[in-house]
Every structure is written in C-alpha cells, then in structure tokens.
PDB file of N, CA and C in Angstrom:
ATOM      1  N   LEU A   1       1.021  -7.403  -5.257  1.00  0.00           N
ATOM      2  CA  LEU A   1       2.068  -8.224  -4.527  1.00  0.00           C
ATOM      3  C   LEU A   1       1.009  -9.387  -3.959  1.00  0.00           C
ATOM      4  N   GLU A   2      -0.250  -9.316  -3.574  1.00  0.00           N
ATOM      5  CA  GLU A   2      -0.736 -10.016  -2.802  1.00  0.00           C
ATOM      6  C   GLU A   2       0.179 -10.427  -1.508  1.00  0.00           C
ATOM      7  N   THR A   3       0.215  -9.261  -0.676  1.00  0.00           N
ATOM      8  CA  THR A   3       1.188  -9.215   0.422  1.00  0.00           C
ATOM      9  C   THR A   3       0.730 -10.202   1.554  1.00  0.00           C
ATOM     10  N   GLY A   4      -0.556 -10.601   1.616  1.00  0.00           N
ATOM     11  CA  GLY A   4      -0.762 -11.515   2.550  1.00  0.00           C
ATOM     12  C   GLY A   4      -0.369 -13.022   2.412  1.00  0.00           C
ATOM     13  N   ALA A   5       0.067 -13.220   1.239  1.00  0.00           N
ATOM     14  CA  ALA A   5       0.694 -14.444   1.015  1.00  0.00           C
ATOM     15  C   ALA A   5       2.188 -14.852   1.189  1.00  0.00           C
ATOM     16  N   PHE A   6       2.758 -13.606   1.655  1.00  0.00           N
ATOM     17  CA  PHE A   6       4.173 -13.826   2.031  1.00  0.00           C
ATOM     18  C   PHE A   6       4.490 -14.338   3.338  1.00  0.00           C
ATOM     19  N   PRO A   7       5.345 -15.088   3.616  1.00  0.00           N
ATOM     20  CA  PRO A   7       5.613 -15.805   5.100  1.00  0.00           C
ATOM     21  C   PRO A   7       6.213 -14.566   6.023  1.00  0.00           C
ATOM     22  N   ASP A   8       7.000 -13.730   5.443  1.00  0.00           N
ATOM     23  CA  ASP A   8       7.691 -12.487   6.302  1.00  0.00           C
ATOM     24  C   ASP A   8       7.897 -11.382   5.714  1.00  0.00           C
ATOM     25  N   LYS A   9       8.176 -10.273   6.438  1.00  0.00           N
ATOM     26  CA  LYS A   9       8.698  -9.146   5.853  1.00  0.00           C
ATOM     27  C   LYS A   9       9.725  -9.081   4.876  1.00  0.00           C
ATOM     28  N   LYS A  10      10.813 -10.007   5.361  1.00  0.00           N
ATOM     29  CA  LYS A  10      12.229  -9.874   4.344  1.00  0.00           C
ATOM     30  C   LYS A  10      11.680 -10.632   2.971  1.00  0.00           C
ATOM     31  N   SER A  11      10.884 -11.477   2.981  1.00  0.00           N
ATOM     32  CA  SER A  11      10.679 -11.962   1.628  1.00  0.00           C
ATOM     33  C   SER A  11       9.707 -11.173   0.866  1.00  0.00           C
ATOM     34  N   LEU A  12       8.635 -10.268   1.470  1.00  0.00           N
ATOM     35  CA  LEU A  12       7.762  -9.270   1.020  1.00  0.00           C
ATOM     36  C   LEU A  12       8.986  -8.192   0.352  1.00  0.00           C
ATOM     37  N   ALA A  13       9.657  -7.614   1.156  1.00  0.00           N
ATOM     38  CA  ALA A  13      10.635  -6.563   0.927  1.00  0.00           C
ATOM     39  C   ALA A  13      11.627  -6.972  -0.267  1.00  0.00           C
ATOM     40  N   SER A  14      11.853  -8.125  -0.509  1.00  0.00           N
ATOM     41  CA  SER A  14      12.530  -8.689  -1.420  1.00  0.00           C
ATOM     42  C   SER A  14      11.759  -8.628  -2.775  1.00  0.00           C
ATOM     43  N   ALA A  15      10.582  -9.314  -2.711  1.00  0.00           N
ATOM     44  CA  ALA A  15       9.921  -9.049  -3.738  1.00  0.00           C
ATOM     45  C   ALA A  15       9.405  -7.622  -4.502  1.00  0.00           C
ATOM     46  N   CYS A  16       9.535  -6.962  -3.326  1.00  0.00           N
ATOM     47  CA  CYS A  16       9.169  -5.408  -3.801  1.00  0.00           C
ATOM     48  C   CYS A  16      10.479  -4.791  -4.585  1.00  0.00           C
ATOM     49  N   GLU A  17      11.678  -5.215  -4.012  1.00  0.00           N
ATOM     50  CA  GLU A  17      12.683  -4.945  -4.800  1.00  0.00           C
ATOM     51  C   GLU A  17      12.859  -5.367  -6.064  1.00  0.00           C
ATOM     52  N   ASP A  18      12.339  -6.702  -6.273  1.00  0.00           N
ATOM     53  CA  ASP A  18      12.329  -7.243  -7.517  1.00  0.00           C
ATOM     54  C   ASP A  18      11.196  -6.377  -8.585  1.00  0.00           C
ATOM     55  N   VAL A  19      10.146  -6.061  -8.088  1.00  0.00           N
ATOM     56  CA  VAL A  19       9.138  -5.546  -8.987  1.00  0.00           C
ATOM     57  C   VAL A  19       9.676  -4.128  -9.158  1.00  0.00           C
ATOM     58  N   ILE A  20      10.067  -3.417  -8.381  1.00  0.00           N
ATOM     59  CA  ILE A  20      10.702  -2.295  -8.482  1.00  0.00           C
ATOM     60  C   ILE A  20      11.833  -2.184  -9.623  1.00  0.00           C
ATOM     61  N   LYS A  21      12.810  -3.047  -9.856  1.00  0.00           N
ATOM     62  CA  LYS A  21      13.872  -3.258 -10.661  1.00  0.00           C
ATOM     63  C   LYS A  21      13.347  -3.688 -11.885  1.00  0.00           C
ATOM     64  N   ALA A  22      12.050  -4.345 -11.986  1.00  0.00           N
ATOM     65  CA  ALA A  22      11.498  -4.781 -13.197  1.00  0.00           C
ATOM     66  C   ALA A  22      10.597  -3.574 -13.848  1.00  0.00           C
ATOM     67  N   GLY A  23      10.682  -2.537 -12.930  1.00  0.00           N
ATOM     68  CA  GLY A  23      10.073  -1.050 -13.448  1.00  0.00           C
ATOM     69  C   GLY A  23       8.543  -0.895 -13.173  1.00  0.00           C
ATOM     70  N   ALA A  24       8.160  -1.350 -12.078  1.00  0.00           N
ATOM     71  CA  ALA A  24       6.674  -1.072 -11.662  1.00  0.00           C
ATOM     72  C   ALA A  24       6.560   0.438 -11.346  1.00  0.00           C
ATOM     73  N   ASP A  25       5.452   0.899 -11.874  1.00  0.00           N
ATOM     74  CA  ASP A  25       4.893   2.115 -11.346  1.00  0.00           C
ATOM     75  C   ASP A  25       4.355   2.282 -10.189  1.00  0.00           C
ATOM     76  N   PHE A  26       3.614   1.322  -9.797  1.00  0.00           N
ATOM     77  CA  PHE A  26       2.654   1.215  -8.318  1.00  0.00           C
ATOM     78  C   PHE A  26       3.257  -0.178  -7.643  1.00  0.00           C
ATOM     79  N   LEU A  27       3.162  -0.143  -6.434  1.00  0.00           N
ATOM     80  CA  LEU A  27       3.053  -1.132  -5.611  1.00  0.00           C
ATOM     81  C   LEU A  27       1.691  -1.424  -5.034  1.00  0.00           C
ATOM     82  N   LYS A  28       0.951  -2.577  -5.213  1.00  0.00           N
ATOM     83  CA  LYS A  28      -0.370  -2.572  -4.694  1.00  0.00           C
ATOM     84  C   LYS A  28      -0.392  -3.859  -3.573  1.00  0.00           C
ATOM     85  N   THR A  29      -0.848  -3.880  -2.484  1.00  0.00           N
ATOM     86  CA  THR A  29      -0.775  -4.601  -1.346  1.00  0.00           C
ATOM     87  C   THR A  29      -1.652  -6.033  -1.707  1.00  0.00           C
ATOM     88  N   SER A  30      -2.845  -5.842  -2.334  1.00  0.00           N
ATOM     89  CA  SER A  30      -3.687  -7.119  -2.351  1.00  0.00           C
ATOM     90  C   SER A  30      -4.550  -6.909  -3.465  1.00  0.00           C
ATOM     91  N   THR A  31      -5.240  -8.138  -3.966  1.00  0.00           N
ATOM     92  CA  THR A  31      -6.410  -8.088  -4.771  1.00  0.00           C
ATOM     93  C   THR A  31      -7.605  -8.054  -4.138  1.00  0.00           C
ATOM     94  N   GLY A  32      -7.474  -8.608  -2.765  1.00  0.00           N
ATOM     95  CA  GLY A  32      -8.649  -8.775  -2.050  1.00  0.00           C
ATOM     96  C   GLY A  32      -9.470 -10.177  -2.257  1.00  0.00           C
ATOM     97  N   LYS A  33      -8.591 -11.064  -2.809  1.00  0.00           N
ATOM     98  CA  LYS A  33      -9.068 -12.463  -3.332  1.00  0.00           C
ATOM     99  C   LYS A  33      -8.660 -13.346  -2.229  1.00  0.00           C
ATOM    100  N   ILE A  34      -7.678 -13.089  -1.503  1.00  0.00           N
ATOM    101  CA  ILE A  34      -7.329 -14.153  -0.361  1.00  0.00           C
ATOM    102  C   ILE A  34      -7.735 -13.768   1.007  1.00  0.00           C
ATOM    103  N   ALA A  35      -7.683 -14.665   1.862  1.00  0.00           N
ATOM    104  CA  ALA A  35      -7.939 -14.221   3.455  1.00  0.00           C
ATOM    105  C   ALA A  35      -7.490 -13.008   4.035  1.00  0.00           C
ATOM    106  N   ILE A  36      -6.078 -12.828   3.872  1.00  0.00           N
ATOM    107  CA  ILE A  36      -5.308 -11.742   4.213  1.00  0.00           C
ATOM    108  C   ILE A  36      -4.928 -10.455   3.251  1.00  0.00           C
ATOM    109  N   GLY A  37      -5.768  -9.633   3.339  1.00  0.00           N
ATOM    110  CA  GLY A  37      -5.764  -8.424   2.519  1.00  0.00           C
ATOM    111  C   GLY A  37      -4.417  -7.538   3.096  1.00  0.00           C
ATOM    112  N   ALA A  38      -4.824  -6.127   2.865  1.00  0.00           N
ATOM    113  CA  ALA A  38      -3.970  -4.897   3.372  1.00  0.00           C
ATOM    114  C   ALA A  38      -3.755  -4.971   4.675  1.00  0.00           C
ATOM    115  N   THR A  39      -2.575  -4.944   5.128  1.00  0.00           N
ATOM    116  CA  THR A  39      -2.360  -4.766   6.452  1.00  0.00           C
ATOM    117  C   THR A  39      -1.294  -3.495   6.760  1.00  0.00           C
ATOM    118  N   LEU A  40      -1.260  -2.981   7.622  1.00  0.00           N
ATOM    119  CA  LEU A  40      -0.327  -1.674   8.030  1.00  0.00           C
ATOM    120  C   LEU A  40       1.196  -2.201   8.093  1.00  0.00           C
ATOM    121  N   GLU A  41       1.320  -3.481   8.512  1.00  0.00           N
ATOM    122  CA  GLU A  41       2.699  -4.105   8.375  1.00  0.00           C
ATOM    123  C   GLU A  41       3.267  -4.213   6.814  1.00  0.00           C
ATOM    124  N   SER A  42       2.340  -4.580   5.985  1.00  0.00           N
ATOM    125  CA  SER A  42       2.672  -5.012   4.778  1.00  0.00           C
ATOM    126  C   SER A  42       2.883  -3.499   3.806  1.00  0.00           C
ATOM    127  N   ALA A  43       1.937  -2.639   4.306  1.00  0.00           N
ATOM    128  CA  ALA A  43       2.045  -1.303   3.637  1.00  0.00           C
ATOM    129  C   ALA A  43       3.273  -0.387   4.147  1.00  0.00           C
ATOM    130  N   GLU A  44       3.618  -0.751   5.358  1.00  0.00           N
ATOM    131  CA  GLU A  44       5.156  -0.040   5.778  1.00  0.00           C
ATOM    132  C   GLU A  44       6.019  -0.667   4.872  1.00  0.00           C
ATOM    133  N   VAL A  45       6.264  -2.223   4.452  1.00  0.00           N
ATOM    134  CA  VAL A  45       7.160  -2.686   3.850  1.00  0.00           C
ATOM    135  C   VAL A  45       7.216  -2.053   2.506  1.00  0.00           C
ATOM    136  N   LEU A  46       6.025  -2.036   1.997  1.00  0.00           N
ATOM    137  CA  LEU A  46       6.115  -1.264   0.529  1.00  0.00           C
ATOM    138  C   LEU A  46       6.625   0.091   0.535  1.00  0.00           C
ATOM    139  N   LEU A  47       5.895   0.852   1.566  1.00  0.00           N
ATOM    140  CA  LEU A  47       6.618   2.245   1.419  1.00  0.00           C
ATOM    141  C   LEU A  47       8.015   2.385   1.784  1.00  0.00           C
ATOM    142  N   ASN A  48       8.527   1.455   2.678  1.00  0.00           N
ATOM    143  CA  ASN A  48       9.956   1.599   2.736  1.00  0.00           C
ATOM    144  C   ASN A  48      10.850   0.957   1.518  1.00  0.00           C
ATOM    145  N   ALA A  49       9.989   0.220   0.710  1.00  0.00           N
ATOM    146  CA  ALA A  49      10.971  -0.343  -0.474  1.00  0.00           C
ATOM    147  C   ALA A  49      10.794   0.882  -1.471  1.00  0.00           C
ATOM    148  N   ILE A  50       9.737   1.733  -1.791  1.00  0.00           N
ATOM    149  CA  ILE A  50       9.568   2.940  -2.482  1.00  0.00           C
ATOM    150  C   ILE A  50      10.521   3.858  -1.935  1.00  0.00           C
ATOM    151  N   GLN A  51      10.614   4.160  -0.875  1.00  0.00           N
ATOM    152  CA  GLN A  51      11.474   5.250  -0.148  1.00  0.00           C
ATOM    153  C   GLN A  51      12.973   4.666  -0.626  1.00  0.00           C
ATOM    154  N   LYS A  52      13.157   3.722  -0.364  1.00  0.00           N
ATOM    155  CA  LYS A  52      14.685   3.175  -0.667  1.00  0.00           C
ATOM    156  C   LYS A  52      14.911   3.043  -2.091  1.00  0.00           C
ATOM    157  N   SER A  53      14.281   2.843  -3.001  1.00  0.00           N
ATOM    158  CA  SER A  53      14.474   2.880  -4.412  1.00  0.00           C
ATOM    159  C   SER A  53      14.656   4.412  -4.798  1.00  0.00           C
ATOM    160  N   GLY A  54      13.994   5.492  -4.346  1.00  0.00           N
ATOM    161  CA  GLY A  54      14.507   6.764  -4.650  1.00  0.00           C
ATOM    162  C   GLY A  54      13.780   7.081  -6.126  1.00  0.00           C
ATOM    163  N   LYS A  55      12.822   6.071  -6.598  1.00  0.00           N
ATOM    164  CA  LYS A  55      12.114   6.257  -7.869  1.00  0.00           C
ATOM    165  C   LYS A  55      10.736   6.761  -7.499  1.00  0.00           C
ATOM    166  N   PRO A  56       9.955   7.409  -8.583  1.00  0.00           N
ATOM    167  CA  PRO A  56       8.880   7.823  -8.567  1.00  0.00           C
ATOM    168  C   PRO A  56       7.632   6.642  -8.650  1.00  0.00           C
ATOM    169  N   ILE A  57       7.525   5.954  -7.612  1.00  0.00           N
ATOM    170  CA  ILE A  57       6.612   4.909  -7.577  1.00  0.00           C
ATOM    171  C   ILE A  57       5.609   5.135  -6.560  1.00  0.00           C
ATOM    172  N   GLY A  58       4.150   4.757  -6.972  1.00  0.00           N
ATOM    173  CA  GLY A  58       3.085   4.784  -6.214  1.00  0.00           C
ATOM    174  C   GLY A  58       2.804   3.767  -5.306  1.00  0.00           C
ATOM    175  N   LEU A  59       1.753   3.905  -4.499  1.00  0.00           N
ATOM    176  CA  LEU A  59       1.377   2.607  -3.609  1.00  0.00           C
ATOM    177  C   LEU A  59      -0.251   2.600  -3.719  1.00  0.00           C
ATOM    178  N   LYS A  60      -0.754   1.623  -4.029  1.00  0.00           N
ATOM    179  CA  LYS A  60      -2.301   1.184  -3.763  1.00  0.00           C
ATOM    180  C   LYS A  60      -2.465   0.399  -2.546  1.00  0.00           C
ATOM    181  N   VAL A  61      -3.273   0.509  -1.672  1.00  0.00           N
ATOM    182  CA  VAL A  61      -3.529  -0.139  -0.767  1.00  0.00           C
ATOM    183  C   VAL A  61      -4.941  -0.504  -0.904  1.00  0.00           C
ATOM    184  N   SER A  62      -5.026  -1.942  -0.926  1.00  0.00           N
ATOM    185  CA  SER A  62      -6.581  -2.603  -1.172  1.00  0.00           C
ATOM    186  C   SER A  62      -6.527  -3.992  -0.722  1.00  0.00           C
ATOM    187  N   GLY A  63      -7.669  -4.415  -0.339  1.00  0.00           N
ATOM    188  CA  GLY A  63      -7.955  -5.647   0.175  1.00  0.00           C
ATOM    189  C   GLY A  63      -8.418  -5.535   1.776  1.00  0.00           C
ATOM    190  N   GLY A  64      -9.583  -5.311   1.977  1.00  0.00           N
ATOM    191  CA  GLY A  64     -10.164  -5.319   3.263  1.00  0.00           C
ATOM    192  C   GLY A  64     -10.228  -4.130   3.907  1.00  0.00           C
ATOM    193  N   ILE A  65     -10.191  -3.192   3.220  1.00  0.00           N
ATOM    194  CA  ILE A  65     -10.321  -1.830   4.012  1.00  0.00           C
ATOM    195  C   ILE A  65     -11.737  -1.343   3.905  1.00  0.00           C
ATOM    196  N   LYS A  66     -12.266  -1.275   5.168  1.00  0.00           N
ATOM    197  CA  LYS A  66     -13.910  -1.284   5.301  1.00  0.00           C
ATOM    198  C   LYS A  66     -14.322   0.059   6.301  1.00  0.00           C
ATOM    199  N   THR A  67     -13.476   0.422   6.911  1.00  0.00           N
ATOM    200  CA  THR A  67     -13.862   1.841   7.569  1.00  0.00           C
ATOM    201  C   THR A  67     -13.004   3.242   7.196  1.00  0.00           C
ATOM    202  N   ILE A  68     -13.507   4.179   7.381  1.00  0.00           N
ATOM    203  CA  ILE A  68     -12.813   5.459   7.521  1.00  0.00           C
ATOM    204  C   ILE A  68     -11.533   5.369   8.102  1.00  0.00           C
ATOM    205  N   GLU A  69     -11.765   4.933   9.281  1.00  0.00           N
ATOM    206  CA  GLU A  69     -10.413   4.952  10.241  1.00  0.00           C
ATOM    207  C   GLU A  69      -9.515   4.177   9.580  1.00  0.00           C
ATOM    208  N   GLN A  70      -9.531   3.007   9.102  1.00  0.00           N
ATOM    209  CA  GLN A  70      -8.642   2.249   8.409  1.00  0.00           C
ATOM    210  C   GLN A  70      -8.110   2.974   7.538  1.00  0.00           C
ATOM    211  N   ALA A  71      -8.625   3.434   6.531  1.00  0.00           N
ATOM    212  CA  ALA A  71      -8.122   4.401   5.638  1.00  0.00           C
ATOM    213  C   ALA A  71      -7.155   5.579   5.835  1.00  0.00           C
ATOM    214  N   THR A  72      -7.893   6.187   7.078  1.00  0.00           N
ATOM    215  CA  THR A  72      -6.771   7.352   7.643  1.00  0.00           C
ATOM    216  C   THR A  72      -5.385   6.660   8.206  1.00  0.00           C
ATOM    217  N   GLN A  73      -5.789   5.470   8.817  1.00  0.00           N
ATOM    218  CA  GLN A  73      -4.267   4.916   9.417  1.00  0.00           C
ATOM    219  C   GLN A  73      -3.412   4.499   8.136  1.00  0.00           C
ATOM    220  N   TYR A  74      -3.785   4.022   6.821  1.00  0.00           N
ATOM    221  CA  TYR A  74      -2.666   3.977   5.801  1.00  0.00           C
ATOM    222  C   TYR A  74      -2.232   5.188   5.201  1.00  0.00           C
ATOM    223  N   LEU A  75      -3.053   6.391   5.449  1.00  0.00           N
ATOM    224  CA  LEU A  75      -2.624   7.740   5.002  1.00  0.00           C
ATOM    225  C   LEU A  75      -1.714   8.137   5.815  1.00  0.00           C
ATOM    226  N   THR A  76      -1.973   8.169   7.320  1.00  0.00           N
ATOM    227  CA  THR A  76      -1.162   8.501   8.346  1.00  0.00           C
ATOM    228  C   THR A  76       0.162   7.772   8.185  1.00  0.00           C
ATOM    229  N   LEU A  77       0.282   6.524   7.948  1.00  0.00           N
ATOM    230  CA  LEU A  77       1.572   5.708   7.902  1.00  0.00           C
ATOM    231  C   LEU A  77       2.227   6.121   6.413  1.00  0.00           C
ATOM    232  N   THR A  78       1.518   6.441   5.640  1.00  0.00           N
ATOM    233  CA  THR A  78       2.229   6.906   4.425  1.00  0.00           C
ATOM    234  C   THR A  78       2.871   8.476   4.565  1.00  0.00           C
ATOM    235  N   GLN A  79       2.164   9.273   5.324  1.00  0.00           N
ATOM    236  CA  GLN A  79       2.799  10.573   5.649  1.00  0.00           C
ATOM    237  C   GLN A  79       3.891  10.442   6.509  1.00  0.00           C
ATOM    238  N   GLN A  80       3.858   9.431   7.596  1.00  0.00           N
ATOM    239  CA  GLN A  80       5.105   9.252   8.297  1.00  0.00           C
ATOM    240  C   GLN A  80       6.136   8.804   7.613  1.00  0.00           C
ATOM    241  N   ILE A  81       6.147   8.002   6.680  1.00  0.00           N
ATOM    242  CA  ILE A  81       7.430   7.478   6.004  1.00  0.00           C
ATOM    243  C   ILE A  81       7.794   8.187   4.841  1.00  0.00           C
ATOM    244  N   MET A  82       6.654   8.794   3.869  1.00  0.00           N
ATOM    245  CA  MET A  82       7.254   9.219   2.843  1.00  0.00           C
ATOM    246  C   MET A  82       7.280  10.656   2.969  1.00  0.00           C
ATOM    247  N   GLY A  83       6.586  11.500   3.998  1.00  0.00           N
ATOM    248  CA  GLY A  83       6.452  13.016   4.217  1.00  0.00           C
ATOM    249  C   GLY A  83       5.144  13.319   3.874  1.00  0.00           C
ATOM    250  N   GLN A  84       4.797  14.473   4.488  1.00  0.00           N
ATOM    251  CA  GLN A  84       3.102  15.172   4.507  1.00  0.00           C
ATOM    252  C   GLN A  84       2.908  15.317   3.077  1.00  0.00           C
ATOM    253  N   ASN A  85       3.394  15.658   2.256  1.00  0.00           N
ATOM    254  CA  ASN A  85       2.969  16.042   0.920  1.00  0.00           C
ATOM    255  C   ASN A  85       3.180  15.084  -0.295  1.00  0.00           C
ATOM    256  N   TRP A  86       3.558  13.766   0.074  1.00  0.00           N
ATOM    257  CA  TRP A  86       3.883  12.663  -0.998  1.00  0.00           C
ATOM    258  C   TRP A  86       2.542  12.111  -1.344  1.00  0.00           C
ATOM    259  N   ALA A  87       1.612  11.995  -0.450  1.00  0.00           N
ATOM    260  CA  ALA A  87       0.454  11.257  -0.994  1.00  0.00           C
ATOM    261  C   ALA A  87      -0.429  12.393  -1.917  1.00  0.00           C
ATOM    262  N   SER A  88      -0.690  11.869  -3.257  1.00  0.00           N
ATOM    263  CA  SER A  88      -1.359  12.708  -3.947  1.00  0.00           C
ATOM    264  C   SER A  88      -2.261  11.876  -4.877  1.00  0.00           C
ATOM    265  N   LEU A  89      -2.821  12.190  -5.692  1.00  0.00           N
ATOM    266  CA  LEU A  89      -3.897  11.547  -6.958  1.00  0.00           C
ATOM    267  C   LEU A  89      -2.688  10.836  -7.626  1.00  0.00           C
ATOM    268  N   THR A  90      -1.410  11.114  -7.768  1.00  0.00           N
ATOM    269  CA  THR A  90      -0.782  10.253  -8.705  1.00  0.00           C
ATOM    270  C   THR A  90       0.211   9.268  -7.856  1.00  0.00           C
ATOM    271  N   THR A  91       0.310   9.449  -6.348  1.00  0.00           N
ATOM    272  CA  THR A  91       1.127   8.361  -5.859  1.00  0.00           C
ATOM    273  C   THR A  91       0.413   7.680  -4.652  1.00  0.00           C
ATOM    274  N   PHE A  92      -0.711   7.825  -4.404  1.00  0.00           N
ATOM    275  CA  PHE A  92      -1.245   6.942  -3.241  1.00  0.00           C
ATOM    276  C   PHE A  92      -3.138   6.854  -3.773  1.00  0.00           C
ATOM    277  N   ARG A  93      -3.247   5.716  -3.571  1.00  0.00           N
ATOM    278  CA  ARG A  93      -4.933   5.149  -4.018  1.00  0.00           C
ATOM    279  C   ARG A  93      -5.193   4.171  -2.831  1.00  0.00           C
ATOM    280  N   LEU A  94      -6.494   4.147  -2.624  1.00  0.00           N
ATOM    281  CA  LEU A  94      -6.918   3.152  -1.724  1.00  0.00           C
ATOM    282  C   LEU A  94      -7.963   2.372  -2.722  1.00  0.00           C
ATOM    283  N   GLY A  95      -7.918   1.098  -2.622  1.00  0.00           N
ATOM    284  CA  GLY A  95      -8.980  -0.038  -3.259  1.00  0.00           C
ATOM    285  C   GLY A  95      -9.858   0.053  -2.211  1.00  0.00           C
ATOM    286  N   ALA A  96     -10.800   0.725  -2.020  1.00  0.00           N
ATOM    287  CA  ALA A  96     -11.737   0.668  -0.751  1.00  0.00           C
ATOM    288  C   ALA A  96     -13.321   0.615  -1.433  1.00  0.00           C
ATOM    289  N   SER A  97     -13.626  -0.004  -2.384  1.00  0.00           N
ATOM    290  CA  SER A  97     -15.002   0.408  -2.778  1.00  0.00           C
ATOM    291  C   SER A  97     -16.073   0.380  -1.924  1.00  0.00           C
ATOM    292  N   GLN A  98     -15.934  -0.621  -0.863  1.00  0.00           N
ATOM    293  CA  GLN A  98     -16.808  -0.773   0.544  1.00  0.00           C
ATOM    294  C   GLN A  98     -16.941   0.876   1.173  1.00  0.00           C
ATOM    295  N   LEU A  99     -16.142   1.694   1.000  1.00  0.00           N
ATOM    296  CA  LEU A  99     -16.132   3.073   1.613  1.00  0.00           C
ATOM    297  C   LEU A  99     -16.798   4.051   0.876  1.00  0.00           C
ATOM    298  N   ILE A 100     -17.356   3.794  -0.293  1.00  0.00           N
ATOM    299  CA  ILE A 100     -17.941   4.688  -1.107  1.00  0.00           C
ATOM    300  C   ILE A 100     -19.103   5.442  -0.686  1.00  0.00           C
ATOM    301  N   ASP A 101     -19.928   4.590  -0.066  1.00  0.00           N
ATOM    302  CA  ASP A 101     -21.149   5.141   0.677  1.00  0.00           C
ATOM    303  C   ASP A 101     -20.929   6.116   2.177  1.00  0.00           C
ATOM    304  N   LEU A 102     -19.895   5.662   2.818  1.00  0.00           N
ATOM    305  CA  LEU A 102     -19.476   6.286   3.941  1.00  0.00           C
ATOM    306  C   LEU A 102     -18.726   7.620   3.413  1.00  0.00           C
ATOM    307  N   ILE A 103     -17.984   7.478   2.530  1.00  0.00           N
ATOM    308  CA  ILE A 103     -17.204   8.619   2.043  1.00  0.00           C
ATOM    309  C   ILE A 103     -18.380   9.837   1.546  1.00  0.00           C
ATOM    310  N   ILE A 104     -19.130   9.439   0.661  1.00  0.00           N
ATOM    311  CA  ILE A 104     -20.206  10.360   0.178  1.00  0.00           C
ATOM    312  C   ILE A 104     -20.900  11.112   1.409  1.00  0.00           C
ATOM    313  N   LYS A 105     -21.253  10.311   2.480  1.00  0.00           N
ATOM    314  CA  LYS A 105     -21.833  10.920   3.502  1.00  0.00           C
ATOM    315  C   LYS A 105     -20.927  11.746   4.207  1.00  0.00           C
TER     316      LYS A 105
END
C-alpha cells in the first residue's frame, strides 16, 4: 500500500478496505522505496482493517525495519490486535533483509 504516502489514518483505512474488497490475500506496508516506510501506526491501521474484515488476510511489514527491537515491536503489536496465536508463517511476514545477519547471530 505504500502506507507512508497516505496523508492520514482515515484514508489509509479506506484504502485497506478497498483492497480487501478487491480480494487481497495480504496487506503490505511499504516497498521501502519512499522516505517513510513501515510505521507502528500504519501497521496498526492495516491490522485493524484485517480484523474488521473477518477474512483470512495476512500482513507483511516492510520498509525501514533495521533492528530486532523494531521487528519485535511489530510482532507484539500484531499479537495485541490479532491475538497471541495469529502470527504464523502464513499470516505474518517481515520484509527486513537488513536483519538477516543479526538474526543468524
């Protein structure tokens, strides 16, 4: 969705509803190609839209995740909104290629 390009939460939520209605399997925060990538605020909007839809839609958080602490914050937010067992290989992904070396360690 390139969430950093949306002027406010309301317009982002509306876009989420539109792509969900169009049949999206996943909502993704960002390509990482603009200055504002993923934020906790935008992830919250996407998660709330997924929950509201009642459909089996996943979330991919990407764009600017550089630390394990940041990745953990997104997982924690996901668990708070969707429940402890929602995040799995089929529903939750992090686009955080910069973290691979830290994760391997």
